[in-house]
C-alpha atoms as a PDB file:
ATOM      1  CA  MET A   1     -34.879 237.868  25.235  1.00  0.00           C
ATOM      2  CA  ARG A   2     -38.389 238.701  24.156  1.00  0.00           C
ATOM      3  CA  ILE A   3     -37.006 241.368  21.816  1.00  0.00           C
ATOM      4  CA  ILE A   4     -34.475 238.914  20.333  1.00  0.00           C
ATOM      5  CA  GLY A   5     -37.182 236.302  19.923  1.00  0.00           C
ATOM      6  CA  ALA A   6     -39.437 238.778  18.173  1.00  0.00           C
ATOM      7  CA  LEU A   7     -36.623 239.805  15.834  1.00  0.00           C
ATOM      8  CA  LEU A   8     -35.845 236.188  14.968  1.00  0.00           C
ATOM      9  CA  ALA A   9     -39.510 235.513  14.320  1.00  0.00           C
ATOM     10  CA  SER A  10     -39.772 238.516  12.026  1.00  0.00           C
ATOM     11  CA  LEU A  11     -36.650 237.450  10.144  1.00  0.00           C
ATOM     12  CA  LEU A  12     -38.141 233.987   9.616  1.00  0.00           C
ATOM     13  CA  VAL A  13     -41.319 235.563   8.241  1.00  0.00           C
ATOM     14  CA  ILE A  14     -39.318 237.764   5.874  1.00  0.00           C
ATOM     15  CA  ARG A  15     -37.268 234.774   4.743  1.00  0.00           C
ATOM     16  CA  ALA A  16     -40.395 232.702   4.149  1.00  0.00           C
ATOM     17  CA  GLU A  17     -41.962 235.492   2.120  1.00  0.00           C
ATOM     18  CA  ALA A  18     -38.746 235.972   0.122  1.00  0.00           C
ATOM     19  CA  ALA A  19     -38.676 232.274  -0.790  1.00  0.00           C
ATOM     20  CA  THR A  20     -41.892 232.538  -2.794  1.00  0.00           C
ATOM     21  CA  MET A  21     -42.337 233.070  -6.522  1.00  0.00           C
ATOM     22  CA  VAL A  22     -45.913 233.286  -7.788  1.00  0.00           C
ATOM     23  CA  ALA A  23     -46.328 231.487 -11.122  1.00  0.00           C
ATOM     24  CA  TYR A  24     -48.953 232.573 -13.663  1.00  0.00           C
ATOM     25  CA  THR A  25     -50.144 230.533 -16.596  1.00  0.00           C
ATOM     26  CA  GLU A  26     -53.065 229.936 -18.955  1.00  0.00           C
ATOM     27  CA  ASP A  27     -55.197 227.025 -20.116  1.00  0.00           C
ATOM     28  CA  LEU A  28     -52.885 225.549 -22.767  1.00  0.00           C
ATOM     29  CA  PRO A  29     -52.971 221.745 -22.787  1.00  0.00           C
ATOM     30  CA  PRO A  30     -50.834 219.694 -22.638  1.00  0.00           C
ATOM     31  CA  TYR A  31     -48.454 222.221 -21.077  1.00  0.00           C
ATOM     32  CA  ASP A  32     -50.691 223.818 -18.436  1.00  0.00           C
ATOM     33  CA  PHE A  33     -54.390 223.191 -17.846  1.00  0.00           C
ATOM     34  CA  LEU A  34     -57.048 222.269 -15.310  1.00  0.00           C
ATOM     35  CA  MET A  35     -57.789 218.562 -14.905  1.00  0.00           C
ATOM     36  CA  ASP A  36     -60.395 217.465 -12.346  1.00  0.00           C
ATOM     37  CA  GLY A  37     -59.991 220.791 -10.562  1.00  0.00           C
ATOM     38  CA  ASP A  38     -56.190 220.563 -10.326  1.00  0.00           C
ATOM     39  CA  ILE A  39     -53.568 222.324 -12.432  1.00  0.00           C
ATOM     40  CA  ALA A  40     -51.661 219.769 -14.495  1.00  0.00           C
ATOM     41  CA  GLY A  41     -49.458 219.560 -17.563  1.00  0.00           C
ATOM     42  CA  VAL A  42     -45.900 219.191 -18.794  1.00  0.00           C
ATOM     43  CA  SER A  43     -44.854 222.706 -17.800  1.00  0.00           C
ATOM     44  CA  VAL A  44     -46.682 222.544 -14.474  1.00  0.00           C
ATOM     45  CA  GLU A  45     -44.836 219.391 -13.411  1.00  0.00           C
ATOM     46  CA  LEU A  46     -41.506 220.809 -14.585  1.00  0.00           C
ATOM     47  CA  LEU A  47     -42.149 224.025 -12.636  1.00  0.00           C
ATOM     48  CA  GLN A  48     -43.081 222.089  -9.502  1.00  0.00           C
ATOM     49  CA  ALA A  49     -39.935 219.968  -9.766  1.00  0.00           C
ATOM     50  CA  MET A  50     -37.735 223.035 -10.310  1.00  0.00           C
ATOM     51  CA  CYS A  51     -39.234 224.938  -7.387  1.00  0.00           C
ATOM     52  CA  ALA A  52     -38.977 221.910  -5.098  1.00  0.00           C
ATOM     53  CA  GLU A  53     -35.306 221.486  -6.002  1.00  0.00           C
ATOM     54  CA  ALA A  54     -34.708 225.209  -5.349  1.00  0.00           C
ATOM     55  CA  LYS A  55     -36.702 225.062  -2.073  1.00  0.00           C
ATOM     56  CA  ILE A  56     -38.953 227.880  -3.258  1.00  0.00           C
ATOM     57  CA  GLU A  57     -42.724 227.995  -2.879  1.00  0.00           C
ATOM     58  CA  CYS A  58     -44.328 228.522  -6.288  1.00  0.00           C
ATOM     59  CA  PRO A  59     -48.119 228.830  -6.049  1.00  0.00           C
ATOM     60  CA  ILE A  60     -49.727 228.685  -9.501  1.00  0.00           C
ATOM     61  CA  LYS A  61     -52.512 230.912 -10.787  1.00  0.00           C
ATOM     62  CA  ILE A  62     -54.270 229.959 -14.031  1.00  0.00           C
ATOM     63  CA  GLN A  63     -56.069 232.779 -15.863  1.00  0.00           C
ATOM     64  CA  PRO A  64     -56.391 234.222 -19.386  1.00  0.00           C
ATOM     65  CA  TRP A  65     -53.008 234.631 -21.057  1.00  0.00           C
ATOM     66  CA  ALA A  66     -53.186 238.410 -21.486  1.00  0.00           C
ATOM     67  CA  ARG A  67     -53.893 238.892 -17.765  1.00  0.00           C
ATOM     68  CA  SER A  68     -51.127 236.507 -16.701  1.00  0.00           C
ATOM     69  CA  PHE A  69     -48.696 238.253 -19.048  1.00  0.00           C
ATOM     70  CA  ARG A  70     -49.584 241.652 -17.612  1.00  0.00           C
ATOM     71  CA  ASP A  71     -49.360 240.477 -13.992  1.00  0.00           C
ATOM     72  CA  VAL A  72     -45.856 239.070 -14.426  1.00  0.00           C
ATOM     73  CA  LEU A  73     -44.689 242.047 -16.445  1.00  0.00           C
ATOM     74  CA  ASN A  74     -45.690 244.392 -13.612  1.00  0.00           C
ATOM     75  CA  ASN A  75     -44.792 242.402 -10.472  1.00  0.00           C
ATOM     76  CA  PRO A  76     -41.404 241.131  -9.219  1.00  0.00           C
ATOM     77  CA  ASN A  77     -40.936 237.586  -7.944  1.00  0.00           C
ATOM     78  CA  THR A  78     -43.328 236.206 -10.525  1.00  0.00           C
ATOM     79  CA  ILE A  79     -43.023 233.565 -13.259  1.00  0.00           C
ATOM     80  CA  LEU A  80     -44.949 233.368 -16.545  1.00  0.00           C
ATOM     81  CA  PHE A  81     -45.292 230.061 -18.359  1.00  0.00           C
ATOM     82  CA  SER A  82     -45.364 228.523 -20.900  1.00  0.00           C
ATOM     83  CA  THR A  83     -43.937 231.563 -22.704  1.00  0.00           C
ATOM     84  CA  ALA A  84     -42.785 231.721 -26.308  1.00  0.00           C
ATOM     85  CA  ARG A  85     -39.350 233.341 -26.308  1.00  0.00           C
ATOM     86  CA  THR A  86     -39.710 235.903 -29.084  1.00  0.00           C
ATOM     87  CA  PRO A  87     -37.327 238.749 -30.018  1.00  0.00           C
ATOM     88  CA  SER A  88     -39.898 241.338 -28.924  1.00  0.00           C
ATOM     89  CA  ARG A  89     -40.135 239.771 -25.443  1.00  0.00           C
ATOM     90  CA  GLU A  90     -36.436 239.032 -24.946  1.00  0.00           C
ATOM     91  CA  SER A  91     -35.559 242.087 -22.842  1.00  0.00           C
ATOM     92  CA  SER A  92     -38.796 242.066 -20.841  1.00  0.00           C
ATOM     93  CA  PHE A  93     -38.048 238.883 -18.882  1.00  0.00           C
ATOM     94  CA  LEU A  94     -35.369 236.614 -17.507  1.00  0.00           C
ATOM     95  CA  TRP A  95     -35.566 233.177 -19.117  1.00  0.00           C
ATOM     96  CA  ILE A  96     -35.263 229.604 -17.840  1.00  0.00           C
ATOM     97  CA  GLY A  97     -35.684 226.615 -20.111  1.00  0.00           C
ATOM     98  CA  PRO A  98     -36.511 225.578 -22.726  1.00  0.00           C
ATOM     99  CA  ILE A  99     -39.640 223.656 -21.777  1.00  0.00           C
ATOM    100  CA  SER A 100     -40.214 222.588 -25.388  1.00  0.00           C
ATOM    101  CA  GLN A 101     -38.399 223.238 -28.631  1.00  0.00           C
ATOM    102  CA  ASN A 102     -38.246 222.379 -32.336  1.00  0.00           C
ATOM    103  CA  LEU A 103     -42.025 222.207 -32.701  1.00  0.00           C
ATOM    104  CA  GLU A 104     -43.925 223.557 -35.704  1.00  0.00           C
ATOM    105  CA  ASN A 105     -47.035 225.703 -35.959  1.00  0.00           C
ATOM    106  CA  VAL A 106     -49.493 224.766 -38.682  1.00  0.00           C
ATOM    107  CA  LEU A 107     -52.778 226.242 -39.889  1.00  0.00           C
ATOM    108  CA  TYR A 108     -55.797 224.063 -39.175  1.00  0.00           C
ATOM    109  CA  VAL A 109     -59.176 224.156 -40.901  1.00  0.00           C
ATOM    110  CA  ARG A 110     -62.321 222.103 -40.442  1.00  0.00           C
ATOM    111  CA  ARG A 111     -62.349 218.812 -42.306  1.00  0.00           C
ATOM    112  CA  ASP A 112     -65.160 220.079 -44.559  1.00  0.00           C
ATOM    113  CA  SER A 113     -63.479 223.404 -45.358  1.00  0.00           C
ATOM    114  CA  PRO A 114     -63.423 224.268 -49.070  1.00  0.00           C
ATOM    115  CA  LEU A 115     -59.812 225.409 -48.704  1.00  0.00           C
ATOM    116  CA  ARG A 116     -57.415 222.911 -50.273  1.00  0.00           C
ATOM    117  CA  GLY A 117     -53.650 223.319 -50.232  1.00  0.00           C
ATOM    118  CA  ALA A 118     -53.999 227.076 -49.989  1.00  0.00           C
ATOM    119  CA  SER A 119     -50.964 229.322 -50.154  1.00  0.00           C
ATOM    120  CA  VAL A 120     -50.406 232.401 -48.007  1.00  0.00           C
ATOM    121  CA  GLN A 121     -51.917 234.546 -50.770  1.00  0.00           C
ATOM    122  CA  GLU A 122     -55.120 232.491 -50.896  1.00  0.00           C
ATOM    123  CA  VAL A 123     -56.046 233.024 -47.241  1.00  0.00           C
ATOM    124  CA  ARG A 124     -56.311 236.819 -47.496  1.00  0.00           C
ATOM    125  CA  GLY A 125     -59.505 238.120 -45.949  1.00  0.00           C
ATOM    126  CA  LEU A 126     -60.118 234.962 -43.921  1.00  0.00           C
ATOM    127  CA  ARG A 127     -60.682 234.912 -40.151  1.00  0.00           C
ATOM    128  CA  VAL A 128     -57.851 233.498 -38.048  1.00  0.00           C
ATOM    129  CA  GLY A 129     -58.375 232.507 -34.417  1.00  0.00           C
ATOM    130  CA  VAL A 130     -55.600 233.644 -32.072  1.00  0.00           C
ATOM    131  CA  VAL A 131     -55.211 233.794 -28.304  1.00  0.00           C
ATOM    132  CA  ILE A 132     -55.181 237.318 -26.864  1.00  0.00           C
ATOM    133  CA  GLY A 133     -51.564 238.368 -26.308  1.00  0.00           C
ATOM    134  CA  ASP A 134     -50.150 235.226 -27.935  1.00  0.00           C
ATOM    135  CA  SER A 135     -47.268 235.298 -30.427  1.00  0.00           C
ATOM    136  CA  ALA A 136     -49.119 233.342 -33.159  1.00  0.00           C
ATOM    137  CA  ALA A 137     -50.258 236.453 -35.018  1.00  0.00           C
ATOM    138  CA  ASP A 138     -46.708 237.829 -35.180  1.00  0.00           C
ATOM    139  CA  GLN A 139     -45.398 234.490 -36.408  1.00  0.00           C
ATOM    140  CA  MET A 140     -47.982 234.350 -39.170  1.00  0.00           C
ATOM    141  CA  VAL A 141     -47.008 237.828 -40.347  1.00  0.00           C
ATOM    142  CA  ARG A 142     -43.331 236.812 -40.367  1.00  0.00           C
ATOM    143  CA  ALA A 143     -44.310 233.755 -42.437  1.00  0.00           C
ATOM    144  CA  GLY A 144     -45.874 236.051 -45.039  1.00  0.00           C
ATOM    145  CA  VAL A 145     -49.518 235.538 -44.053  1.00  0.00           C
ATOM    146  CA  THR A 146     -51.009 239.021 -44.411  1.00  0.00           C
ATOM    147  CA  GLY A 147     -54.412 240.499 -45.126  1.00  0.00           C
ATOM    148  CA  VAL A 148     -56.196 238.126 -42.731  1.00  0.00           C
ATOM    149  CA  VAL A 149     -58.549 239.114 -39.910  1.00  0.00           C
ATOM    150  CA  PHE A 150     -57.262 238.069 -36.497  1.00  0.00           C
ATOM    151  CA  ASP A 151     -60.103 237.028 -34.212  1.00  0.00           C
ATOM    152  CA  PRO A 152     -58.921 236.874 -30.555  1.00  0.00           C
ATOM    153  CA  ALA A 153     -60.132 234.502 -27.832  1.00  0.00           C
ATOM    154  CA  PRO A 154     -59.033 233.790 -24.237  1.00  0.00           C
ATOM    155  CA  ASN A 155     -57.524 230.367 -25.039  1.00  0.00           C
ATOM    156  CA  VAL A 156     -57.024 227.774 -27.764  1.00  0.00           C
ATOM    157  CA  VAL A 157     -59.980 225.637 -26.628  1.00  0.00           C
ATOM    158  CA  SER A 158     -62.276 228.621 -27.243  1.00  0.00           C
ATOM    159  CA  ASN A 159     -60.757 228.955 -30.701  1.00  0.00           C
ATOM    160  CA  VAL A 160     -61.423 225.276 -31.469  1.00  0.00           C
ATOM    161  CA  ARG A 161     -65.082 225.817 -30.587  1.00  0.00           C
ATOM    162  CA  LYS A 162     -65.166 228.888 -32.861  1.00  0.00           C
ATOM    163  CA  LEU A 163     -63.537 226.930 -35.693  1.00  0.00           C
ATOM    164  CA  MET A 164     -66.046 224.091 -35.452  1.00  0.00           C
ATOM    165  CA  ALA A 165     -68.955 226.554 -35.269  1.00  0.00           C
ATOM    166  CA  GLY A 166     -67.749 228.357 -38.403  1.00  0.00           C
ATOM    167  CA  HIS A 167     -66.963 231.623 -36.603  1.00  0.00           C
ATOM    168  CA  ILE A 168     -63.330 231.485 -37.778  1.00  0.00           C
ATOM    169  CA  ASP A 169     -61.763 229.912 -40.875  1.00  0.00           C
ATOM    170  CA  LEU A 170     -58.242 229.097 -39.711  1.00  0.00           C
ATOM    171  CA  LEU A 171     -56.524 228.204 -36.450  1.00  0.00           C
ATOM    172  CA  PRO A 172     -52.723 228.228 -36.000  1.00  0.00           C
ATOM    173  CA  ALA A 173     -51.463 225.732 -33.404  1.00  0.00           C
ATOM    174  CA  GLN A 174     -48.860 223.127 -32.627  1.00  0.00           C
ATOM    175  CA  GLU A 175     -50.066 219.592 -33.304  1.00  0.00           C
ATOM    176  CA  VAL A 176     -49.666 218.567 -29.643  1.00  0.00           C
ATOM    177  CA  VAL A 177     -51.762 221.533 -28.494  1.00  0.00           C
ATOM    178  CA  MET A 178     -54.418 220.932 -31.143  1.00  0.00           C
ATOM    179  CA  LYS A 179     -54.809 217.269 -30.175  1.00  0.00           C
ATOM    180  CA  TRP A 180     -55.537 218.187 -26.563  1.00  0.00           C
ATOM    181  CA  ALA A 181     -57.776 221.138 -27.409  1.00  0.00           C
ATOM    182  CA  VAL A 182     -59.894 219.112 -29.836  1.00  0.00           C
ATOM    183  CA  ARG A 183     -60.277 216.385 -27.224  1.00  0.00           C
ATOM    184  CA  ALA A 184     -61.315 219.002 -24.642  1.00  0.00           C
ATOM    185  CA  VAL A 185     -64.386 219.903 -26.722  1.00  0.00           C
ATOM    186  CA  GLY A 186     -65.365 216.250 -27.191  1.00  0.00           C
ATOM    187  CA  LEU A 187     -64.039 215.813 -30.745  1.00  0.00           C
ATOM    188  CA  ASN A 188     -61.026 214.164 -32.383  1.00  0.00           C
ATOM    189  CA  MET A 189     -58.416 215.095 -34.967  1.00  0.00           C
ATOM    190  CA  GLN A 190     -60.556 213.594 -37.756  1.00  0.00           C
ATOM    191  CA  GLU A 191     -62.717 216.727 -37.482  1.00  0.00           C
ATOM    192  CA  VAL A 192     -59.875 218.995 -38.617  1.00  0.00           C
ATOM    193  CA  ARG A 193     -57.009 218.918 -41.082  1.00  0.00           C
ATOM    194  CA  VAL A 194     -53.782 220.813 -41.774  1.00  0.00           C
ATOM    195  CA  LEU A 195     -53.929 223.474 -44.467  1.00  0.00           C
ATOM    196  CA  PHE A 196     -50.227 224.349 -44.528  1.00  0.00           C
ATOM    197  CA  PRO A 197     -47.333 224.865 -42.086  1.00  0.00           C
ATOM    198  CA  VAL A 198     -46.665 228.352 -40.730  1.00  0.00           C
ATOM    199  CA  GLY A 199     -43.137 227.659 -39.526  1.00  0.00           C
ATOM    200  CA  LYS A 200     -41.144 226.632 -36.483  1.00  0.00           C
ATOM    201  CA  ALA A 201     -42.822 227.643 -33.249  1.00  0.00           C
ATOM    202  CA  GLU A 202     -40.803 229.677 -30.789  1.00  0.00           C
ATOM    203  CA  ASP A 203     -39.388 227.589 -27.966  1.00  0.00           C
ATOM    204  CA  LEU A 204     -41.365 227.729 -24.715  1.00  0.00           C
ATOM    205  CA  TYR A 205     -39.726 228.946 -21.496  1.00  0.00           C
ATOM    206  CA  PHE A 206     -40.365 230.056 -17.945  1.00  0.00           C
ATOM    207  CA  ALA A 207     -40.280 233.871 -18.108  1.00  0.00           C
ATOM    208  CA  ILE A 208     -39.380 235.730 -14.895  1.00  0.00           C
ATOM    209  CA  ASN A 209     -39.960 239.373 -14.040  1.00  0.00           C
ATOM    210  CA  PRO A 210     -36.464 240.973 -14.237  1.00  0.00           C
ATOM    211  CA  ARG A 211     -36.987 242.853 -10.940  1.00  0.00           C
ATOM    212  CA  SER A 212     -37.277 239.562  -9.065  1.00  0.00           C
ATOM    213  CA  ASP A 213     -34.942 238.662  -6.183  1.00  0.00           C
ATOM    214  CA  PRO A 214     -31.638 237.675  -7.894  1.00  0.00           C
ATOM    215  CA  ALA A 215     -30.981 234.970  -5.282  1.00  0.00           C
ATOM    216  CA  LEU A 216     -34.290 233.294  -6.078  1.00  0.00           C
ATOM    217  CA  VAL A 217     -33.680 233.518  -9.809  1.00  0.00           C
ATOM    218  CA  GLU A 218     -30.233 231.943  -9.468  1.00  0.00           C
ATOM    219  CA  ALA A 219     -31.647 229.191  -7.247  1.00  0.00           C
ATOM    220  CA  LEU A 220     -34.244 228.406  -9.925  1.00  0.00           C
ATOM    221  CA  ARG A 221     -31.622 228.418 -12.671  1.00  0.00           C
ATOM    222  CA  ALA A 222     -29.397 226.026 -10.727  1.00  0.00           C
ATOM    223  CA  ALA A 223     -32.377 223.780 -10.027  1.00  0.00           C
ATOM    224  CA  TRP A 224     -33.386 223.782 -13.695  1.00  0.00           C
ATOM    225  CA  ALA A 225     -29.869 222.884 -14.810  1.00  0.00           C
ATOM    226  CA  LYS A 226     -29.941 219.870 -12.497  1.00  0.00           C
ATOM    227  CA  ILE A 227     -33.422 218.775 -13.609  1.00  0.00           C
ATOM    228  CA  ALA A 228     -32.716 219.315 -17.319  1.00  0.00           C
ATOM    229  CA  ALA A 229     -29.699 216.990 -17.062  1.00  0.00           C
ATOM    230  CA  SER A 230     -31.820 214.246 -15.498  1.00  0.00           C
ATOM    231  CA  PRO A 231     -34.335 211.795 -17.053  1.00  0.00           C
ATOM    232  CA  LEU A 232     -37.241 213.655 -15.392  1.00  0.00           C
ATOM    233  CA  PRO A 233     -38.202 216.041 -18.255  1.00  0.00           C
ATOM    234  CA  LEU A 234     -38.523 213.129 -20.704  1.00  0.00           C
ATOM    235  CA  GLU A 235     -40.525 211.105 -18.181  1.00  0.00           C
ATOM    236  CA  ILE A 236     -42.929 214.017 -17.683  1.00  0.00           C
ATOM    237  CA  ARG A 237     -43.320 214.664 -21.412  1.00  0.00           C
ATOM    238  CA  ARG A 238     -44.080 211.009 -22.080  1.00  0.00           C
ATOM    239  CA  ARG A 239     -46.935 211.093 -19.576  1.00  0.00           C
ATOM    240  CA  TYR A 240     -48.709 213.778 -21.618  1.00  0.00           C
ATOM    241  CA  LEU A 241     -47.215 213.161 -25.068  1.00  0.00           C
ATOM    242  CA  PRO A 242     -47.104 209.407 -25.751  1.00  0.00           C
ATOM    243  CA  ASP A 243     -45.436 209.929 -29.152  1.00  0.00           C
ATOM    244  CA  VAL A 244     -42.347 211.522 -27.569  1.00  0.00           C
ATOM    245  CA  LYS A 245     -39.248 209.313 -27.859  1.00  0.00           C
END
């Protein structure tokens, strides 16, 4: 009996360990960010709802994007979010989502910048703030923006500080991200302005290491399908994005 009990106990431990997916993210408000010491955001709440529905434990680690990307790329049973689904990344992950879609990236400058209505040719040689490992640089190249100097930083809030200090000239971002990042440094959108649009941003997804337990992945997919068909995603987005209808 003791042997049987020990075997059952070990099986329960294995099952508990198997029902865990570690989620990695970055500081990217309003999708995922620290607020009063807790991780919050649109994507965070959607992840928590999906994992709860799937009955999977999903502890979240927030760290610089490049490190989170590398950790999920190299370790099974891990989730990376919020991840732009680009052609170059397509085969590297399994995808669940979208978290957001049909948003546009634009180039921001300081309000007092001498640049006015510049075209892609007129920004050659200028310094562009990007997040290390982010897809913004690739998108700018696809949009025809070449000859610029990409200046990397750990997150978009760091890039806003660099923009306001004059260390970079341009900052590509979605409007919703820029609003939150500007607020995070104690400023408002009157301090910056749009130079010109870069193009449609890639949709954001939960990206899963392809060597993850297939049963867990399918449970998450089924949970997401149920949540996506409910009013919950819109309710969550409205909490962080009041303009969403």
